[in-house]
Amino acid sequence: MPFRKNHEYRWKPENEIALDKSPICFKGRVGQKEALKDVPDWQDQLRDYLDELINKKPS
């Protein structure tokens, strides 16, 4: 049963920037998925790195 609107236990975003509904998916090398899960806060770190990669100017 879904929660009603503004329920006290509803999901709340952690930062002001909204996340896209569709995920970014790619295939990594063998062992990367398991190793990544051991990194604390890896999802936010990866989002920050992707922003850097996208904004990087070619020399």
PDB file of N, CA and C in Angstrom:
ATOM      1  N   MET A   1       0.844  -1.165   0.000  1.00  0.00           N
ATOM      2  CA  MET A   1       0.000   0.000   0.000  1.00  0.00           C
ATOM      3  C   MET A   1       0.900   1.242   0.000  1.00  0.00           C
ATOM      4  N   PRO A   2       0.703   2.164  -0.933  1.00  0.00           N
ATOM      5  CA  PRO A   2       1.551   3.352  -0.993  1.00  0.00           C
ATOM      6  C   PRO A   2       1.264   4.315   0.151  1.00  0.00           C
ATOM      7  N   PHE A   3       2.282   5.070   0.508  1.00  0.00           N
ATOM      8  CA  PHE A   3       2.101   6.094   1.533  1.00  0.00           C
ATOM      9  C   PHE A   3       1.265   7.245   0.986  1.00  0.00           C
ATOM     10  N   ARG A   4       0.526   7.887   1.842  1.00  0.00           N
ATOM     11  CA  ARG A   4      -0.210   9.068   1.418  1.00  0.00           C
ATOM     12  C   ARG A   4       0.778  10.231   1.248  1.00  0.00           C
ATOM     13  N   LYS A   5       0.365  11.282   0.571  1.00  0.00           N
ATOM     14  CA  LYS A   5       1.238  12.423   0.331  1.00  0.00           C
ATOM     15  C   LYS A   5       1.678  13.047   1.654  1.00  0.00           C
ATOM     16  N   ASN A   6       2.933  13.492   1.676  1.00  0.00           N
ATOM     17  CA  ASN A   6       3.540  14.134   2.835  1.00  0.00           C
ATOM     18  C   ASN A   6       3.568  13.253   4.081  1.00  0.00           C
ATOM     19  N   HIS A   7       3.615  11.952   3.886  1.00  0.00           N
ATOM     20  CA  HIS A   7       3.724  11.018   5.000  1.00  0.00           C
ATOM     21  C   HIS A   7       5.082  11.204   5.663  1.00  0.00           C
ATOM     22  N   GLU A   8       5.174  11.027   6.971  1.00  0.00           N
ATOM     23  CA  GLU A   8       6.417  11.279   7.686  1.00  0.00           C
ATOM     24  C   GLU A   8       7.535  10.324   7.287  1.00  0.00           C
ATOM     25  N   TYR A   9       7.237   9.155   6.729  1.00  0.00           N
ATOM     26  CA  TYR A   9       8.257   8.183   6.347  1.00  0.00           C
ATOM     27  C   TYR A   9       8.546   8.176   4.853  1.00  0.00           C
ATOM     28  N   ARG A  10       8.060   9.175   4.126  1.00  0.00           N
ATOM     29  CA  ARG A  10       8.289   9.203   2.685  1.00  0.00           C
ATOM     30  C   ARG A  10       9.773   9.427   2.397  1.00  0.00           C
ATOM     31  N   TRP A  11      10.173   9.088   1.179  1.00  0.00           N
ATOM     32  CA  TRP A  11      11.549   9.287   0.762  1.00  0.00           C
ATOM     33  C   TRP A  11      11.797  10.769   0.562  1.00  0.00           C
ATOM     34  N   LYS A  12      12.943  11.243   1.052  1.00  0.00           N
ATOM     35  CA  LYS A  12      13.302  12.652   0.900  1.00  0.00           C
ATOM     36  C   LYS A  12      14.642  12.728   0.182  1.00  0.00           C
ATOM     37  N   PRO A  13      14.788  13.646  -0.763  1.00  0.00           N
ATOM     38  CA  PRO A  13      16.074  13.778  -1.452  1.00  0.00           C
ATOM     39  C   PRO A  13      17.158  14.285  -0.505  1.00  0.00           C
ATOM     40  N   GLU A  14      18.395  13.855  -0.752  1.00  0.00           N
ATOM     41  CA  GLU A  14      19.502  14.243   0.115  1.00  0.00           C
ATOM     42  C   GLU A  14      20.069  15.611  -0.243  1.00  0.00           C
ATOM     43  N   ASN A  15      19.996  16.006  -1.514  1.00  0.00           N
ATOM     44  CA  ASN A  15      20.484  17.314  -1.911  1.00  0.00           C
ATOM     45  C   ASN A  15      19.442  18.012  -2.771  1.00  0.00           C
ATOM     46  N   GLU A  16      19.734  19.275  -3.127  1.00  0.00           N
ATOM     47  CA  GLU A  16      18.748  20.065  -3.866  1.00  0.00           C
ATOM     48  C   GLU A  16      18.599  19.620  -5.316  1.00  0.00           C
ATOM     49  N   ILE A  17      19.637  19.005  -5.875  1.00  0.00           N
ATOM     50  CA  ILE A  17      19.609  18.607  -7.279  1.00  0.00           C
ATOM     51  C   ILE A  17      18.840  17.292  -7.408  1.00  0.00           C
ATOM     52  N   ALA A  18      17.812  17.322  -8.237  1.00  0.00           N
ATOM     53  CA  ALA A  18      16.992  16.114  -8.429  1.00  0.00           C
ATOM     54  C   ALA A  18      17.754  15.071  -9.246  1.00  0.00           C
ATOM     55  N   LEU A  19      17.449  13.814  -8.982  1.00  0.00           N
ATOM     56  CA  LEU A  19      18.046  12.718  -9.741  1.00  0.00           C
ATOM     57  C   LEU A  19      17.141  12.363 -10.906  1.00  0.00           C
ATOM     58  N   ASP A  20      17.747  11.955 -12.008  1.00  0.00           N
ATOM     59  CA  ASP A  20      17.009  11.553 -13.195  1.00  0.00           C
ATOM     60  C   ASP A  20      16.283  10.234 -12.915  1.00  0.00           C
ATOM     61  N   LYS A  21      15.107  10.071 -13.488  1.00  0.00           N
ATOM     62  CA  LYS A  21      14.332   8.843 -13.264  1.00  0.00           C
ATOM     63  C   LYS A  21      14.958   7.645 -13.967  1.00  0.00           C
ATOM     64  N   SER A  22      15.633   7.883 -15.098  1.00  0.00           N
ATOM     65  CA  SER A  22      16.240   6.772 -15.830  1.00  0.00           C
ATOM     66  C   SER A  22      17.719   6.661 -15.449  1.00  0.00           C
ATOM     67  N   PRO A  23      18.174   5.463 -15.078  1.00  0.00           N
ATOM     68  CA  PRO A  23      19.555   5.286 -14.630  1.00  0.00           C
ATOM     69  C   PRO A  23      20.551   5.279 -15.781  1.00  0.00           C
ATOM     70  N   ILE A  24      21.798   5.584 -15.459  1.00  0.00           N
ATOM     71  CA  ILE A  24      22.901   5.447 -16.411  1.00  0.00           C
ATOM     72  C   ILE A  24      23.463   4.050 -16.200  1.00  0.00           C
ATOM     73  N   CYS A  25      23.495   3.259 -17.244  1.00  0.00           N
ATOM     74  CA  CYS A  25      23.974   1.881 -17.120  1.00  0.00           C
ATOM     75  C   CYS A  25      25.161   1.653 -18.054  1.00  0.00           C
ATOM     76  N   PHE A  26      26.165   0.966 -17.548  1.00  0.00           N
ATOM     77  CA  PHE A  26      27.294   0.582 -18.387  1.00  0.00           C
ATOM     78  C   PHE A  26      27.926  -0.678 -17.806  1.00  0.00           C
ATOM     79  N   LYS A  27      28.675  -1.377 -18.650  1.00  0.00           N
ATOM     80  CA  LYS A  27      29.340  -2.598 -18.213  1.00  0.00           C
ATOM     81  C   LYS A  27      30.751  -2.265 -17.750  1.00  0.00           C
ATOM     82  N   GLY A  28      31.084  -2.694 -16.550  1.00  0.00           N
ATOM     83  CA  GLY A  28      32.419  -2.481 -16.009  1.00  0.00           C
ATOM     84  C   GLY A  28      33.270  -3.726 -16.183  1.00  0.00           C
ATOM     85  N   ARG A  29      34.507  -3.591 -15.796  1.00  0.00           N
ATOM     86  CA  ARG A  29      35.427  -4.730 -15.866  1.00  0.00           C
ATOM     87  C   ARG A  29      35.108  -5.717 -14.738  1.00  0.00           C
ATOM     88  N   VAL A  30      35.606  -6.913 -14.878  1.00  0.00           N
ATOM     89  CA  VAL A  30      35.364  -7.962 -13.891  1.00  0.00           C
ATOM     90  C   VAL A  30      35.877  -7.511 -12.529  1.00  0.00           C
ATOM     91  N   GLY A  31      35.030  -7.600 -11.510  1.00  0.00           N
ATOM     92  CA  GLY A  31      35.400  -7.267 -10.141  1.00  0.00           C
ATOM     93  C   GLY A  31      35.118  -5.829  -9.740  1.00  0.00           C
ATOM     94  N   GLN A  32      34.865  -4.942 -10.692  1.00  0.00           N
ATOM     95  CA  GLN A  32      34.629  -3.542 -10.359  1.00  0.00           C
ATOM     96  C   GLN A  32      33.343  -3.347  -9.566  1.00  0.00           C
ATOM     97  N   LYS A  33      32.306  -4.074  -9.921  1.00  0.00           N
ATOM     98  CA  LYS A  33      31.015  -3.910  -9.240  1.00  0.00           C
ATOM     99  C   LYS A  33      31.130  -4.239  -7.758  1.00  0.00           C
ATOM    100  N   GLU A  34      31.781  -5.337  -7.438  1.00  0.00           N
ATOM    101  CA  GLU A  34      31.931  -5.748  -6.051  1.00  0.00           C
ATOM    102  C   GLU A  34      32.835  -4.775  -5.291  1.00  0.00           C
ATOM    103  N   ALA A  35      33.911  -4.325  -5.932  1.00  0.00           N
ATOM    104  CA  ALA A  35      34.839  -3.402  -5.276  1.00  0.00           C
ATOM    105  C   ALA A  35      34.189  -2.050  -5.038  1.00  0.00           C
ATOM    106  N   LEU A  36      33.347  -1.616  -5.957  1.00  0.00           N
ATOM    107  CA  LEU A  36      32.677  -0.326  -5.844  1.00  0.00           C
ATOM    108  C   LEU A  36      31.739  -0.293  -4.643  1.00  0.00           C
ATOM    109  N   LYS A  37      31.108  -1.406  -4.345  1.00  0.00           N
ATOM    110  CA  LYS A  37      30.178  -1.473  -3.220  1.00  0.00           C
ATOM    111  C   LYS A  37      30.880  -1.264  -1.875  1.00  0.00           C
ATOM    112  N   ASP A  38      32.197  -1.483  -1.828  1.00  0.00           N
ATOM    113  CA  ASP A  38      32.965  -1.290  -0.596  1.00  0.00           C
ATOM    114  C   ASP A  38      33.366   0.167  -0.379  1.00  0.00           C
ATOM    115  N   VAL A  39      33.193   1.008  -1.397  1.00  0.00           N
ATOM    116  CA  VAL A  39      33.563   2.429  -1.287  1.00  0.00           C
ATOM    117  C   VAL A  39      32.396   3.181  -0.653  1.00  0.00           C
ATOM    118  N   PRO A  40      32.648   3.888   0.470  1.00  0.00           N
ATOM    119  CA  PRO A  40      31.556   4.629   1.100  1.00  0.00           C
ATOM    120  C   PRO A  40      31.094   5.781   0.208  1.00  0.00           C
ATOM    121  N   ASP A  41      29.788   5.982   0.128  1.00  0.00           N
ATOM    122  CA  ASP A  41      29.195   7.085  -0.626  1.00  0.00           C
ATOM    123  C   ASP A  41      29.617   7.075  -2.094  1.00  0.00           C
ATOM    124  N   TRP A  42      29.748   5.887  -2.678  1.00  0.00           N
ATOM    125  CA  TRP A  42      30.277   5.772  -4.033  1.00  0.00           C
ATOM    126  C   TRP A  42      29.374   6.399  -5.088  1.00  0.00           C
ATOM    127  N   GLN A  43      28.070   6.394  -4.870  1.00  0.00           N
ATOM    128  CA  GLN A  43      27.172   6.935  -5.887  1.00  0.00           C
ATOM    129  C   GLN A  43      27.336   8.444  -6.038  1.00  0.00           C
ATOM    130  N   ASP A  44      27.418   9.162  -4.938  1.00  0.00           N
ATOM    131  CA  ASP A  44      27.617  10.611  -5.024  1.00  0.00           C
ATOM    132  C   ASP A  44      29.000  10.940  -5.574  1.00  0.00           C
ATOM    133  N   GLN A  45      29.999  10.167  -5.192  1.00  0.00           N
ATOM    134  CA  GLN A  45      31.345  10.396  -5.725  1.00  0.00           C
ATOM    135  C   GLN A  45      31.376  10.169  -7.235  1.00  0.00           C
ATOM    136  N   LEU A  46      30.669   9.153  -7.707  1.00  0.00           N
ATOM    137  CA  LEU A  46      30.624   8.867  -9.139  1.00  0.00           C
ATOM    138  C   LEU A  46      29.877   9.956  -9.891  1.00  0.00           C
ATOM    139  N   ARG A  47      28.788  10.472  -9.310  1.00  0.00           N
ATOM    140  CA  ARG A  47      28.056  11.577  -9.944  1.00  0.00           C
ATOM    141  C   ARG A  47      28.946  12.803 -10.078  1.00  0.00           C
ATOM    142  N   ASP A  48      29.714  13.119  -9.019  1.00  0.00           N
ATOM    143  CA  ASP A  48      30.628  14.267  -9.074  1.00  0.00           C
ATOM    144  C   ASP A  48      31.701  14.063 -10.141  1.00  0.00           C
ATOM    145  N   TYR A  49      32.235  12.848 -10.218  1.00  0.00           N
ATOM    146  CA  TYR A  49      33.259  12.565 -11.217  1.00  0.00           C
ATOM    147  C   TYR A  49      32.685  12.677 -12.637  1.00  0.00           C
ATOM    148  N   LEU A  50      31.467  12.217 -12.826  1.00  0.00           N
ATOM    149  CA  LEU A  50      30.842  12.326 -14.148  1.00  0.00           C
ATOM    150  C   LEU A  50      30.662  13.787 -14.554  1.00  0.00           C
ATOM    151  N   ASP A  51      30.287  14.632 -13.597  1.00  0.00           N
ATOM    152  CA  ASP A  51      30.187  16.065 -13.892  1.00  0.00           C
ATOM    153  C   ASP A  51      31.544  16.621 -14.333  1.00  0.00           C
ATOM    154  N   GLU A  52      32.605  16.243 -13.639  1.00  0.00           N
ATOM    155  CA  GLU A  52      33.944  16.686 -14.006  1.00  0.00           C
ATOM    156  C   GLU A  52      34.321  16.193 -15.398  1.00  0.00           C
ATOM    157  N   LEU A  53      34.019  14.942 -15.680  1.00  0.00           N
ATOM    158  CA  LEU A  53      34.350  14.344 -16.971  1.00  0.00           C
ATOM    159  C   LEU A  53      33.599  15.022 -18.115  1.00  0.00           C
ATOM    160  N   ILE A  54      32.341  15.324 -17.876  1.00  0.00           N
ATOM    161  CA  ILE A  54      31.521  15.976 -18.902  1.00  0.00           C
ATOM    162  C   ILE A  54      31.998  17.397 -19.153  1.00  0.00           C
ATOM    163  N   ASN A  55      32.364  18.117 -18.100  1.00  0.00           N
ATOM    164  CA  ASN A  55      32.770  19.510 -18.228  1.00  0.00           C
ATOM    165  C   ASN A  55      34.228  19.690 -18.615  1.00  0.00           C
ATOM    166  N   LYS A  56      34.985  18.603 -18.695  1.00  0.00           N
ATOM    167  CA  LYS A  56      36.400  18.680 -19.022  1.00  0.00           C
ATOM    168  C   LYS A  56      36.564  19.137 -20.473  1.00  0.00           C
ATOM    169  N   LYS A  57      37.383  20.137 -20.655  1.00  0.00           N
ATOM    170  CA  LYS A  57      37.639  20.667 -21.995  1.00  0.00           C
ATOM    171  C   LYS A  57      38.777  19.895 -22.651  1.00  0.00           C
ATOM    172  N   PRO A  58      38.598  19.501 -23.913  1.00  0.00           N
ATOM    173  CA  PRO A  58      39.701  18.827 -24.602  1.00  0.00           C
ATOM    174  C   PRO A  58      40.846  19.813 -24.870  1.00  0.00           C
ATOM    175  N   SER A  59      42.102  19.331 -24.724  1.00  0.00           N
ATOM    176  CA  SER A  59      43.223  20.249 -24.925  1.00  0.00           C
ATOM    177  C   SER A  59      43.676  20.328 -26.354  1.00  0.00           C
TER     178      SER A  59
END
